Amino acid sequence: MLMSFPILRGFIAGLAGGLAWLAGIALFFGPAQRILTNPALQSAKMLAVFTSEPAPRSAGAPWLLAAGLLVIGVLWGWVYVWVSGPWPGAWWRRGLRFGVVSWVLMVPWFEFYLPWNVLWEPAPLVTLEMMCWAGVLTGVGLTIAGVDAALRPGHELVASPRWPAGQAT
C-alpha cells in the first residue's frame, strides 16, 4: 500500500540511486585518477584545487560527499518518478533515458564551465571525465528506474514473455 505513494517510491529509489552514484564514482573515476591527477597531463590550477589550502570540505569530513550524493539521489528519484510515468518501454529503457537526460543536462555545462574554463583542464581530460560521468549517470538512472519498477504496485521487474518486443515493465 505504501509503495503506491510516488513520493515514497522516489525517496527509496533515490537513496539507491545515491548509493549507485557513490559506487559509480569509485568504479569509473577511481581508475581514471591515474590520468586525471598526472601532473604531466593535468593543469597545475586543477591540481592545486585539491592539494592547496583550503582543501575541499570533503577532505576534512569525508562523510559530506556520501551525504550530499544521497540527498541528490533522493531529489533525482523524486524527479524520475515525476517525469517518467508516460515514458514507454521497459524499466531499463526508462532508466537509460533518465541517465542520458541527466548527463545532457549536467555534464556538458559543468565540464565546460568549471574544469575546462575556470581550472584550465586540457580538453582530452575533460573528455575522459565526460565519459566517466556517462558511466556514473547511466548506473544512477538504471538503479533509480529499477528500484522504482520493483516498488510499483502490480509491476514486475523481471522480463515478461514479450521481452523480445521490449514490453517488459
N, C-alpha and C. Protein backbone atom coordinates (compact mmCIF):
# COMPACT_ATOMS: atom_id res chain seq x y z
N MET A 1 0.82 -1.19 0.00
CA MET A 1 0.00 0.00 0.00
C MET A 1 0.86 1.26 0.00
N LEU A 2 1.88 1.31 0.86
CA LEU A 2 2.72 2.50 0.92
C LEU A 2 3.45 2.77 -0.39
N MET A 3 3.77 1.71 -1.14
CA MET A 3 4.52 1.90 -2.38
C MET A 3 3.66 2.53 -3.48
N SER A 4 2.36 2.69 -3.23
CA SER A 4 1.54 3.37 -4.21
C SER A 4 1.73 4.88 -4.12
N PHE A 5 2.45 5.35 -3.11
CA PHE A 5 2.75 6.77 -2.98
C PHE A 5 4.04 7.08 -3.74
N PRO A 6 3.95 7.85 -4.82
CA PRO A 6 5.15 8.14 -5.63
C PRO A 6 6.28 8.79 -4.84
N ILE A 7 5.94 9.64 -3.88
CA ILE A 7 6.99 10.33 -3.13
C ILE A 7 7.83 9.33 -2.33
N LEU A 8 7.20 8.29 -1.82
CA LEU A 8 7.94 7.26 -1.07
C LEU A 8 8.78 6.41 -2.02
N ARG A 9 8.19 6.01 -3.15
CA ARG A 9 8.96 5.26 -4.15
C ARG A 9 10.16 6.07 -4.62
N GLY A 10 9.94 7.35 -4.89
CA GLY A 10 11.04 8.21 -5.33
C GLY A 10 12.13 8.34 -4.28
N PHE A 11 11.72 8.43 -3.02
CA PHE A 11 12.68 8.53 -1.93
C PHE A 11 13.56 7.28 -1.86
N ILE A 12 12.92 6.12 -1.87
CA ILE A 12 13.67 4.86 -1.76
C ILE A 12 14.52 4.64 -3.02
N ALA A 13 13.94 4.86 -4.19
CA ALA A 13 14.70 4.70 -5.43
C ALA A 13 15.86 5.70 -5.47
N GLY A 14 15.62 6.91 -4.97
CA GLY A 14 16.67 7.92 -4.94
C GLY A 14 17.81 7.58 -4.00
N LEU A 15 17.47 7.00 -2.83
CA LEU A 15 18.55 6.54 -1.92
C LEU A 15 19.41 5.50 -2.63
N ALA A 16 18.75 4.57 -3.32
CA ALA A 16 19.51 3.56 -4.08
C ALA A 16 20.33 4.23 -5.17
N GLY A 17 19.76 5.24 -5.82
CA GLY A 17 20.50 5.99 -6.84
C GLY A 17 21.71 6.70 -6.26
N GLY A 18 21.57 7.26 -5.06
CA GLY A 18 22.71 7.91 -4.40
C GLY A 18 23.83 6.91 -4.11
N LEU A 19 23.44 5.71 -3.67
CA LEU A 19 24.45 4.67 -3.44
C LEU A 19 25.10 4.25 -4.76
N ALA A 20 24.30 4.17 -5.82
CA ALA A 20 24.85 3.85 -7.15
C ALA A 20 25.80 4.95 -7.61
N TRP A 21 25.50 6.19 -7.27
CA TRP A 21 26.36 7.32 -7.63
C TRP A 21 27.72 7.16 -6.95
N LEU A 22 27.71 6.86 -5.66
CA LEU A 22 28.97 6.65 -4.94
C LEU A 22 29.76 5.49 -5.54
N ALA A 23 29.07 4.39 -5.82
CA ALA A 23 29.74 3.23 -6.42
C ALA A 23 30.26 3.56 -7.81
N GLY A 24 29.49 4.30 -8.59
CA GLY A 24 29.91 4.68 -9.93
C GLY A 24 31.14 5.57 -9.93
N ILE A 25 31.20 6.49 -8.99
CA ILE A 25 32.39 7.34 -8.89
C ILE A 25 33.62 6.49 -8.62
N ALA A 26 33.50 5.55 -7.71
CA ALA A 26 34.64 4.66 -7.42
C ALA A 26 34.98 3.80 -8.64
N LEU A 27 33.96 3.28 -9.31
CA LEU A 27 34.17 2.38 -10.44
C LEU A 27 34.74 3.08 -11.66
N PHE A 28 34.24 4.25 -11.98
CA PHE A 28 34.66 4.92 -13.21
C PHE A 28 35.75 5.96 -13.00
N PHE A 29 35.61 6.78 -11.96
CA PHE A 29 36.62 7.82 -11.74
C PHE A 29 37.85 7.27 -11.01
N GLY A 30 37.66 6.22 -10.21
CA GLY A 30 38.81 5.65 -9.49
C GLY A 30 39.97 5.30 -10.41
N PRO A 31 39.74 4.44 -11.41
CA PRO A 31 40.83 4.09 -12.33
C PRO A 31 41.33 5.28 -13.15
N ALA A 32 40.45 6.24 -13.43
CA ALA A 32 40.83 7.39 -14.26
C ALA A 32 41.73 8.37 -13.50
N GLN A 33 41.79 8.25 -12.17
CA GLN A 33 42.57 9.20 -11.38
C GLN A 33 44.07 9.17 -11.73
N ARG A 34 44.56 8.01 -12.15
CA ARG A 34 45.98 7.94 -12.55
C ARG A 34 46.26 8.91 -13.68
N ILE A 35 45.31 9.08 -14.57
CA ILE A 35 45.47 10.00 -15.70
C ILE A 35 45.09 11.42 -15.28
N LEU A 36 43.96 11.57 -14.59
CA LEU A 36 43.44 12.90 -14.26
C LEU A 36 44.32 13.64 -13.26
N THR A 37 45.11 12.93 -12.46
CA THR A 37 45.98 13.60 -11.48
C THR A 37 47.46 13.58 -11.89
N ASN A 38 47.74 13.17 -13.11
CA ASN A 38 49.12 13.14 -13.59
C ASN A 38 49.56 14.58 -13.90
N PRO A 39 50.56 15.10 -13.17
CA PRO A 39 50.99 16.48 -13.39
C PRO A 39 51.49 16.75 -14.81
N ALA A 40 51.96 15.72 -15.50
CA ALA A 40 52.41 15.91 -16.88
C ALA A 40 51.24 16.13 -17.83
N LEU A 41 50.03 15.74 -17.43
CA LEU A 41 48.85 15.87 -18.28
C LEU A 41 47.85 16.90 -17.79
N GLN A 42 47.76 17.05 -16.48
CA GLN A 42 46.73 17.89 -15.89
C GLN A 42 47.24 19.31 -15.65
N SER A 43 46.32 20.27 -15.67
CA SER A 43 46.71 21.65 -15.40
C SER A 43 47.10 21.81 -13.94
N ALA A 44 48.09 22.67 -13.71
CA ALA A 44 48.54 22.94 -12.35
C ALA A 44 47.42 23.57 -11.54
N LYS A 45 46.59 24.38 -12.18
CA LYS A 45 45.50 25.04 -11.49
C LYS A 45 44.49 24.00 -10.97
N MET A 46 44.18 23.01 -11.78
CA MET A 46 43.24 21.96 -11.36
C MET A 46 43.83 21.17 -10.20
N LEU A 47 45.08 20.78 -10.29
CA LEU A 47 45.72 20.01 -9.22
C LEU A 47 45.80 20.81 -7.93
N ALA A 48 46.04 22.10 -8.05
CA ALA A 48 46.17 22.95 -6.86
C ALA A 48 44.86 23.02 -6.07
N VAL A 49 43.74 22.91 -6.75
CA VAL A 49 42.45 22.94 -6.06
C VAL A 49 42.36 21.83 -5.02
N PHE A 50 42.96 20.69 -5.33
CA PHE A 50 42.87 19.54 -4.43
C PHE A 50 44.05 19.41 -3.47
N THR A 51 45.13 20.15 -3.75
CA THR A 51 46.33 19.99 -2.92
C THR A 51 46.69 21.23 -2.11
N SER A 52 46.04 22.36 -2.37
CA SER A 52 46.34 23.60 -1.65
C SER A 52 45.30 23.84 -0.57
N GLU A 53 45.67 24.71 0.36
CA GLU A 53 44.71 25.14 1.39
C GLU A 53 43.91 26.32 0.86
N PRO A 54 42.67 26.41 1.18
CA PRO A 54 41.91 25.43 1.93
C PRO A 54 41.58 24.21 1.06
N ALA A 55 41.68 23.05 1.65
CA ALA A 55 41.36 21.81 0.95
C ALA A 55 39.85 21.72 0.75
N PRO A 56 39.41 20.88 -0.18
CA PRO A 56 37.96 20.68 -0.32
C PRO A 56 37.34 20.28 1.02
N ARG A 57 36.12 20.68 1.25
CA ARG A 57 35.43 20.38 2.51
C ARG A 57 35.42 18.89 2.81
N SER A 58 35.28 18.07 1.77
CA SER A 58 35.19 16.62 1.98
C SER A 58 36.52 16.01 2.41
N ALA A 59 37.62 16.75 2.26
CA ALA A 59 38.91 16.23 2.73
C ALA A 59 38.92 16.12 4.25
N GLY A 60 38.32 17.08 4.92
CA GLY A 60 38.26 17.07 6.38
C GLY A 60 37.06 16.32 6.93
N ALA A 61 36.04 16.16 6.10
CA ALA A 61 34.82 15.48 6.52
C ALA A 61 34.34 14.61 5.36
N PRO A 62 34.95 13.44 5.18
CA PRO A 62 34.62 12.58 4.04
C PRO A 62 33.15 12.19 3.95
N TRP A 63 32.45 12.19 5.07
CA TRP A 63 31.02 11.84 5.07
C TRP A 63 30.19 12.83 4.27
N LEU A 64 30.70 14.07 4.08
CA LEU A 64 29.95 15.08 3.33
C LEU A 64 29.63 14.63 1.91
N LEU A 65 30.58 14.00 1.26
CA LEU A 65 30.35 13.55 -0.12
C LEU A 65 29.25 12.50 -0.16
N ALA A 66 29.33 11.52 0.72
CA ALA A 66 28.30 10.47 0.75
C ALA A 66 26.94 11.06 1.09
N ALA A 67 26.87 11.90 2.10
CA ALA A 67 25.59 12.50 2.50
C ALA A 67 25.03 13.36 1.37
N GLY A 68 25.89 14.15 0.76
CA GLY A 68 25.44 15.01 -0.33
C GLY A 68 24.90 14.21 -1.51
N LEU A 69 25.58 13.13 -1.88
CA LEU A 69 25.12 12.33 -3.02
C LEU A 69 23.85 11.55 -2.68
N LEU A 70 23.66 11.18 -1.43
CA LEU A 70 22.40 10.54 -1.05
C LEU A 70 21.24 11.53 -1.15
N VAL A 71 21.46 12.76 -0.71
CA VAL A 71 20.43 13.79 -0.81
C VAL A 71 20.12 14.08 -2.29
N ILE A 72 21.16 14.23 -3.10
CA ILE A 72 20.96 14.47 -4.53
C ILE A 72 20.25 13.27 -5.16
N GLY A 73 20.63 12.07 -4.75
CA GLY A 73 19.96 10.87 -5.27
C GLY A 73 18.47 10.89 -4.97
N VAL A 74 18.10 11.29 -3.76
CA VAL A 74 16.68 11.37 -3.41
C VAL A 74 15.97 12.40 -4.30
N LEU A 75 16.59 13.55 -4.50
CA LEU A 75 16.00 14.55 -5.39
C LEU A 75 15.81 13.98 -6.79
N TRP A 76 16.82 13.27 -7.29
CA TRP A 76 16.72 12.67 -8.62
C TRP A 76 15.66 11.57 -8.65
N GLY A 77 15.54 10.82 -7.57
CA GLY A 77 14.50 9.79 -7.50
C GLY A 77 13.12 10.41 -7.61
N TRP A 78 12.91 11.52 -6.91
CA TRP A 78 11.62 12.20 -7.00
C TRP A 78 11.37 12.73 -8.41
N VAL A 79 12.40 13.29 -9.02
CA VAL A 79 12.24 13.79 -10.39
C VAL A 79 11.93 12.63 -11.33
N TYR A 80 12.62 11.52 -11.18
CA TYR A 80 12.36 10.37 -12.03
C TYR A 80 10.90 9.92 -11.93
N VAL A 81 10.40 9.76 -10.71
CA VAL A 81 9.02 9.33 -10.51
C VAL A 81 8.06 10.35 -11.12
N TRP A 82 8.39 11.61 -11.03
CA TRP A 82 7.55 12.69 -11.54
C TRP A 82 7.48 12.70 -13.07
N VAL A 83 8.64 12.52 -13.74
CA VAL A 83 8.67 12.69 -15.20
C VAL A 83 8.55 11.40 -15.99
N SER A 84 8.83 10.25 -15.40
CA SER A 84 8.95 9.03 -16.20
C SER A 84 7.64 8.29 -16.44
N GLY A 85 6.58 8.68 -15.78
CA GLY A 85 5.31 7.97 -15.91
C GLY A 85 4.87 7.71 -17.35
N PRO A 86 4.88 8.71 -18.21
CA PRO A 86 4.42 8.47 -19.58
C PRO A 86 5.49 7.86 -20.51
N TRP A 87 6.70 7.66 -20.02
CA TRP A 87 7.74 7.11 -20.88
C TRP A 87 7.42 5.66 -21.22
N PRO A 88 7.51 5.31 -22.50
CA PRO A 88 7.23 3.93 -22.90
C PRO A 88 8.43 3.02 -22.65
N GLY A 89 8.17 1.74 -22.71
CA GLY A 89 9.24 0.76 -22.67
C GLY A 89 9.50 0.17 -21.30
N ALA A 90 10.43 -0.74 -21.30
CA ALA A 90 10.82 -1.45 -20.08
C ALA A 90 11.48 -0.48 -19.10
N TRP A 91 11.52 -0.90 -17.85
CA TRP A 91 12.14 -0.07 -16.81
C TRP A 91 13.56 0.30 -17.18
N TRP A 92 14.33 -0.61 -17.76
CA TRP A 92 15.73 -0.33 -18.05
C TRP A 92 15.86 0.69 -19.19
N ARG A 93 14.91 0.71 -20.11
CA ARG A 93 14.91 1.75 -21.15
C ARG A 93 14.63 3.12 -20.54
N ARG A 94 13.69 3.15 -19.61
CA ARG A 94 13.39 4.42 -18.92
C ARG A 94 14.60 4.85 -18.09
N GLY A 95 15.28 3.89 -17.48
CA GLY A 95 16.48 4.22 -16.69
C GLY A 95 17.61 4.75 -17.56
N LEU A 96 17.81 4.13 -18.72
CA LEU A 96 18.82 4.65 -19.65
C LEU A 96 18.46 6.06 -20.11
N ARG A 97 17.18 6.25 -20.41
CA ARG A 97 16.72 7.57 -20.85
C ARG A 97 16.99 8.60 -19.76
N PHE A 98 16.66 8.26 -18.52
CA PHE A 98 16.89 9.20 -17.41
C PHE A 98 18.38 9.48 -17.24
N GLY A 99 19.21 8.45 -17.36
CA GLY A 99 20.66 8.65 -17.27
C GLY A 99 21.19 9.56 -18.36
N VAL A 100 20.70 9.38 -19.58
CA VAL A 100 21.15 10.22 -20.70
C VAL A 100 20.67 11.66 -20.51
N VAL A 101 19.41 11.82 -20.13
CA VAL A 101 18.89 13.18 -19.90
C VAL A 101 19.68 13.85 -18.78
N SER A 102 19.96 13.13 -17.72
CA SER A 102 20.74 13.69 -16.61
C SER A 102 22.12 14.11 -17.09
N TRP A 103 22.76 13.26 -17.88
CA TRP A 103 24.09 13.56 -18.39
C TRP A 103 24.05 14.82 -19.26
N VAL A 104 23.08 14.88 -20.16
CA VAL A 104 23.00 16.02 -21.09
C VAL A 104 22.74 17.32 -20.33
N LEU A 105 21.92 17.27 -19.30
CA LEU A 105 21.59 18.49 -18.56
C LEU A 105 22.67 18.90 -17.57
N MET A 106 23.52 18.00 -17.16
CA MET A 106 24.50 18.32 -16.13
C MET A 106 25.94 18.42 -16.66
N VAL A 107 26.38 17.38 -17.31
CA VAL A 107 27.81 17.21 -17.56
C VAL A 107 28.41 18.20 -18.56
N PRO A 108 27.84 18.40 -19.74
CA PRO A 108 28.50 19.34 -20.67
C PRO A 108 28.69 20.74 -20.08
N TRP A 109 27.65 21.24 -19.41
CA TRP A 109 27.79 22.58 -18.81
C TRP A 109 28.86 22.56 -17.74
N PHE A 110 28.79 21.63 -16.79
CA PHE A 110 29.75 21.58 -15.70
C PHE A 110 31.18 21.45 -16.23
N GLU A 111 31.41 20.48 -17.11
CA GLU A 111 32.77 20.24 -17.60
C GLU A 111 33.30 21.40 -18.43
N PHE A 112 32.41 22.04 -19.18
CA PHE A 112 32.83 23.22 -19.96
C PHE A 112 33.19 24.37 -19.02
N TYR A 113 32.29 24.66 -18.10
CA TYR A 113 32.48 25.85 -17.29
C TYR A 113 33.60 25.71 -16.27
N LEU A 114 33.54 24.67 -15.42
CA LEU A 114 34.50 24.61 -14.32
C LEU A 114 35.84 23.98 -14.71
N PRO A 115 35.88 22.69 -15.07
CA PRO A 115 37.20 22.11 -15.38
C PRO A 115 37.90 22.77 -16.58
N TRP A 116 37.19 22.95 -17.68
CA TRP A 116 37.86 23.46 -18.88
C TRP A 116 38.09 24.96 -18.80
N ASN A 117 37.05 25.72 -18.46
CA ASN A 117 37.14 27.18 -18.47
C ASN A 117 37.87 27.74 -17.26
N VAL A 118 37.43 27.40 -16.06
CA VAL A 118 37.98 28.01 -14.85
C VAL A 118 39.30 27.37 -14.44
N LEU A 119 39.37 26.04 -14.49
CA LEU A 119 40.54 25.33 -13.97
C LEU A 119 41.54 24.93 -15.05
N TRP A 120 41.28 25.31 -16.28
CA TRP A 120 42.21 25.09 -17.39
C TRP A 120 42.56 23.62 -17.64
N GLU A 121 41.64 22.74 -17.38
CA GLU A 121 41.88 21.32 -17.64
C GLU A 121 41.97 21.11 -19.15
N PRO A 122 42.94 20.33 -19.61
CA PRO A 122 43.05 20.06 -21.05
C PRO A 122 41.83 19.32 -21.59
N ALA A 123 41.47 19.63 -22.83
CA ALA A 123 40.28 19.04 -23.46
C ALA A 123 40.26 17.51 -23.43
N PRO A 124 41.38 16.82 -23.67
CA PRO A 124 41.32 15.35 -23.60
C PRO A 124 40.93 14.83 -22.21
N LEU A 125 41.34 15.53 -21.16
CA LEU A 125 40.97 15.10 -19.81
C LEU A 125 39.51 15.43 -19.51
N VAL A 126 39.04 16.55 -20.04
CA VAL A 126 37.62 16.88 -19.92
C VAL A 126 36.80 15.80 -20.62
N THR A 127 37.25 15.35 -21.76
CA THR A 127 36.55 14.28 -22.49
C THR A 127 36.54 12.99 -21.68
N LEU A 128 37.66 12.66 -21.06
CA LEU A 128 37.71 11.47 -20.20
C LEU A 128 36.72 11.59 -19.06
N GLU A 129 36.68 12.75 -18.42
CA GLU A 129 35.73 12.95 -17.33
C GLU A 129 34.29 12.83 -17.82
N MET A 130 34.01 13.36 -19.01
CA MET A 130 32.65 13.26 -19.55
C MET A 130 32.27 11.80 -19.79
N MET A 131 33.22 10.99 -20.22
CA MET A 131 32.95 9.56 -20.41
C MET A 131 32.74 8.88 -19.06
N CYS A 132 33.51 9.25 -18.05
CA CYS A 132 33.31 8.69 -16.71
C CYS A 132 31.93 9.06 -16.19
N TRP A 133 31.54 10.31 -16.39
CA TRP A 133 30.21 10.74 -15.96
C TRP A 133 29.12 9.96 -16.68
N ALA A 134 29.33 9.62 -17.94
CA ALA A 134 28.34 8.83 -18.67
C ALA A 134 28.14 7.48 -17.98
N GLY A 135 29.21 6.86 -17.55
CA GLY A 135 29.09 5.59 -16.83
C GLY A 135 28.39 5.75 -15.50
N VAL A 136 28.77 6.78 -14.75
CA VAL A 136 28.16 7.01 -13.44
C VAL A 136 26.66 7.26 -13.58
N LEU A 137 26.28 8.17 -14.47
CA LEU A 137 24.88 8.57 -14.58
C LEU A 137 24.02 7.51 -15.24
N THR A 138 24.61 6.67 -16.07
CA THR A 138 23.87 5.53 -16.60
C THR A 138 23.53 4.58 -15.46
N GLY A 139 24.50 4.31 -14.60
CA GLY A 139 24.25 3.46 -13.44
C GLY A 139 23.22 4.04 -12.50
N VAL A 140 23.27 5.35 -12.28
CA VAL A 140 22.30 6.00 -11.40
C VAL A 140 20.90 5.89 -12.01
N GLY A 141 20.79 6.19 -13.30
CA GLY A 141 19.48 6.11 -13.96
C GLY A 141 18.90 4.71 -13.92
N LEU A 142 19.73 3.72 -14.22
CA LEU A 142 19.25 2.33 -14.19
C LEU A 142 18.85 1.90 -12.78
N THR A 143 19.61 2.32 -11.79
CA THR A 143 19.30 1.95 -10.41
C THR A 143 17.99 2.57 -9.96
N ILE A 144 17.83 3.86 -10.20
CA ILE A 144 16.58 4.53 -9.80
C ILE A 144 15.39 3.90 -10.51
N ALA A 145 15.51 3.67 -11.81
CA ALA A 145 14.40 3.09 -12.57
C ALA A 145 14.11 1.66 -12.12
N GLY A 146 15.13 0.89 -11.85
CA GLY A 146 14.94 -0.49 -11.42
C GLY A 146 14.28 -0.58 -10.06
N VAL A 147 14.72 0.24 -9.12
CA VAL A 147 14.12 0.21 -7.79
C VAL A 147 12.68 0.73 -7.86
N ASP A 148 12.46 1.80 -8.62
CA ASP A 148 11.10 2.30 -8.78
C ASP A 148 10.19 1.22 -9.37
N ALA A 149 10.66 0.54 -10.40
CA ALA A 149 9.85 -0.52 -11.02
C ALA A 149 9.57 -1.64 -10.04
N ALA A 150 10.56 -2.00 -9.24
CA ALA A 150 10.37 -3.09 -8.27
C ALA A 150 9.36 -2.70 -7.19
N LEU A 151 9.25 -1.42 -6.89
CA LEU A 151 8.36 -0.96 -5.83
C LEU A 151 6.96 -0.61 -6.33
N ARG A 152 6.78 -0.50 -7.63
CA ARG A 152 5.46 -0.13 -8.15
C ARG A 152 4.46 -1.26 -7.94
N PRO A 153 3.30 -0.94 -7.38
CA PRO A 153 2.29 -1.98 -7.19
C PRO A 153 1.85 -2.56 -8.53
N GLY A 154 1.83 -3.89 -8.62
CA GLY A 154 1.34 -4.55 -9.83
C GLY A 154 2.33 -4.62 -10.97
N HIS A 155 3.54 -4.14 -10.77
CA HIS A 155 4.54 -4.18 -11.83
C HIS A 155 5.59 -5.23 -11.51
N GLU A 156 6.12 -5.84 -12.55
CA GLU A 156 7.16 -6.83 -12.38
C GLU A 156 8.47 -6.27 -12.90
N LEU A 157 9.54 -6.51 -12.16
CA LEU A 157 10.86 -6.07 -12.59
C LEU A 157 11.44 -7.02 -13.62
N VAL A 158 11.05 -8.28 -13.55
CA VAL A 158 11.61 -9.27 -14.47
C VAL A 158 10.95 -9.14 -15.84
N ALA A 159 11.59 -9.69 -16.83
CA ALA A 159 11.08 -9.62 -18.20
C ALA A 159 9.81 -10.45 -18.35
N SER A 160 8.92 -9.96 -19.16
CA SER A 160 7.70 -10.69 -19.46
C SER A 160 7.95 -11.60 -20.66
N PRO A 161 7.00 -12.47 -20.99
CA PRO A 161 7.19 -13.33 -22.17
C PRO A 161 7.35 -12.51 -23.46
N ARG A 162 7.01 -11.24 -23.41
CA ARG A 162 7.13 -10.39 -24.60
C ARG A 162 8.47 -9.64 -24.63
N TRP A 163 9.42 -10.08 -23.86
CA TRP A 163 10.73 -9.41 -23.76
C TRP A 163 11.32 -9.04 -25.12
N PRO A 164 11.34 -9.92 -26.12
CA PRO A 164 11.96 -9.53 -27.38
C PRO A 164 11.33 -8.29 -28.00
N ALA A 165 10.07 -8.04 -27.71
CA ALA A 165 9.42 -6.85 -28.26
C ALA A 165 9.65 -5.65 -27.37
N GLY A 166 10.40 -5.80 -26.29
CA GLY A 166 10.70 -4.68 -25.41
C GLY A 166 9.52 -4.29 -24.52
N GLN A 167 8.66 -5.23 -24.18
CA GLN A 167 7.47 -4.93 -23.43
C GLN A 167 7.59 -5.19 -21.94
N ALA A 168 8.76 -5.56 -21.46
CA ALA A 168 8.90 -5.82 -20.03
C ALA A 168 8.67 -4.53 -19.26
N THR A 169 8.10 -4.64 -18.10
CA THR A 169 7.83 -3.43 -17.31
C THR A 169 8.95 -3.14 -16.37
